């Protein structure tokens, strides 16, 4: 909640809870790029380690993925992102995923599963 409050005070718009995550399951790692200020989430230890070698900071396990695979969380990439623009976006909405793909975002994969 601290991060939500802090970002809201700096001009970000709070849109509500995207999804709920279980207390156990497969780890979802959070990484931070100190050059762009962007965060990235992945369940892949290979992807995590590759990003750390490229200069990203591994922060921690952010939460866990539901091993029963209830609600998919989709990961999209914006190939046109520059500077502080969002390059990766995560959503549980297949309609939102599909509308972003129609305007040029690349659908990468299901990143994790929520409740």
Protein backbone atom coordinates (compact mmCIF):
# COMPACT_ATOMS: atom_id res chain seq x y z
CA UNK A 1 0.00 0.00 0.00
CA UNK A 2 2.95 2.34 0.68
CA UNK A 3 4.03 2.20 -2.96
CA UNK A 4 0.47 2.89 -4.15
CA UNK A 5 0.17 5.94 -1.90
CA UNK A 6 3.62 7.26 -2.84
CA UNK A 7 3.03 6.92 -6.58
CA UNK A 8 -0.42 8.52 -6.32
CA UNK A 9 1.19 11.57 -4.68
CA UNK A 10 3.58 11.93 -7.63
CA UNK A 11 0.83 12.00 -10.26
CA UNK A 12 0.08 8.33 -10.99
CA UNK A 13 -3.61 7.36 -11.21
CA UNK A 14 -4.67 4.45 -9.02
CA UNK A 15 -6.90 2.15 -11.10
CA UNK A 16 -7.70 -0.44 -8.44
CA UNK A 17 -6.52 -3.96 -7.79
CA UNK A 18 -5.42 -5.77 -10.98
CA UNK A 19 -5.49 -9.25 -9.46
CA UNK A 20 -5.06 -11.09 -6.21
CA UNK A 21 -2.15 -13.44 -5.67
CA UNK A 22 -1.90 -16.54 -3.47
CA UNK A 23 0.37 -16.77 -0.42
CA UNK A 24 2.26 -19.77 -1.82
CA UNK A 25 3.13 -21.27 -5.19
CA UNK A 26 5.70 -20.39 -7.85
CA UNK A 27 7.77 -17.28 -7.13
CA UNK A 28 7.21 -14.14 -9.22
CA UNK A 29 10.44 -12.12 -9.19
CA UNK A 30 10.53 -8.32 -9.26
CA UNK A 31 13.41 -6.51 -10.95
CA UNK A 32 14.23 -2.83 -11.31
CA UNK A 33 16.09 -1.06 -14.12
CA UNK A 34 18.00 1.86 -12.54
CA UNK A 35 18.51 3.48 -15.95
CA UNK A 36 14.84 3.67 -16.92
CA UNK A 37 13.11 3.45 -13.53
CA UNK A 38 11.01 0.52 -14.78
CA UNK A 39 10.00 -2.62 -12.94
CA UNK A 40 9.67 -6.06 -14.49
CA UNK A 41 8.06 -9.24 -13.19
CA UNK A 42 8.84 -12.81 -14.21
CA UNK A 43 8.53 -16.38 -12.94
CA UNK A 44 11.63 -17.37 -14.91
CA UNK A 45 14.86 -17.59 -12.91
CA UNK A 46 16.73 -17.61 -16.25
CA UNK A 47 15.07 -14.34 -17.29
CA UNK A 48 15.74 -12.88 -13.82
CA UNK A 49 19.42 -13.84 -13.92
CA UNK A 50 19.84 -12.57 -17.50
CA UNK A 51 18.41 -9.18 -16.55
CA UNK A 52 20.66 -8.96 -13.48
CA UNK A 53 23.68 -9.61 -15.74
CA UNK A 54 22.42 -6.77 -17.98
CA UNK A 55 22.37 -4.33 -15.03
CA UNK A 56 18.87 -4.73 -13.59
CA UNK A 57 18.54 -4.97 -9.80
CA UNK A 58 16.82 -8.03 -8.38
CA UNK A 59 14.57 -6.71 -5.64
CA UNK A 60 12.80 -9.75 -4.21
CA UNK A 61 10.06 -12.27 -4.69
CA UNK A 62 7.12 -9.93 -5.21
CA UNK A 63 4.38 -12.55 -4.76
CA UNK A 64 3.47 -16.05 -5.86
CA UNK A 65 1.69 -17.55 -8.85
CA UNK A 66 -1.31 -19.76 -8.17
CA UNK A 67 -0.20 -23.28 -8.99
CA UNK A 68 -3.82 -24.25 -9.71
CA UNK A 69 -3.74 -21.80 -12.66
CA UNK A 70 -6.94 -19.90 -11.98
CA UNK A 71 -6.65 -16.47 -13.62
CA UNK A 72 -3.97 -15.86 -16.25
CA UNK A 73 -2.02 -12.61 -16.04
CA UNK A 74 -0.91 -11.63 -19.53
CA UNK A 75 2.36 -9.83 -20.30
CA UNK A 76 2.58 -7.41 -23.22
CA UNK A 77 5.49 -5.40 -24.60
CA UNK A 78 5.28 -1.95 -26.18
CA UNK A 79 7.95 -1.85 -28.93
CA UNK A 80 7.44 1.91 -29.31
CA UNK A 81 8.11 2.81 -25.66
CA UNK A 82 10.74 5.48 -25.14
CA UNK A 83 12.22 6.92 -21.97
CA UNK A 84 9.86 6.66 -19.04
CA UNK A 85 6.97 5.18 -21.05
CA UNK A 86 5.73 1.77 -19.96
CA UNK A 87 7.40 -0.97 -21.98
CA UNK A 88 5.77 -3.96 -20.26
CA UNK A 89 2.17 -4.19 -19.16
CA UNK A 90 0.41 -6.90 -17.17
CA UNK A 91 -3.33 -7.52 -17.20
CA UNK A 92 -5.83 -10.22 -16.29
CA UNK A 93 -8.23 -8.96 -18.98
CA UNK A 94 -8.13 -10.80 -22.30
CA UNK A 95 -10.14 -7.92 -23.83
CA UNK A 96 -7.51 -5.40 -22.71
CA UNK A 97 -4.75 -7.71 -23.99
CA UNK A 98 -6.45 -8.00 -27.38
CA UNK A 99 -7.08 -4.25 -27.71
CA UNK A 100 -3.41 -3.49 -26.97
CA UNK A 101 -2.28 -6.06 -29.55
CA UNK A 102 -4.50 -4.33 -32.14
CA UNK A 103 -2.66 -1.04 -31.59
CA UNK A 104 0.82 -2.55 -31.85
CA UNK A 105 1.73 -4.05 -28.48
CA UNK A 106 3.29 -7.53 -28.60
CA UNK A 107 1.68 -10.28 -26.58
CA UNK A 108 4.54 -12.14 -24.91
CA UNK A 109 3.01 -14.81 -22.70
CA UNK A 110 1.02 -15.62 -19.62
CA UNK A 111 3.31 -14.31 -16.92
CA UNK A 112 1.71 -15.90 -13.89
CA UNK A 113 -1.63 -16.96 -12.48
CA UNK A 114 -3.67 -15.11 -9.89
CA UNK A 115 -6.69 -16.08 -7.87
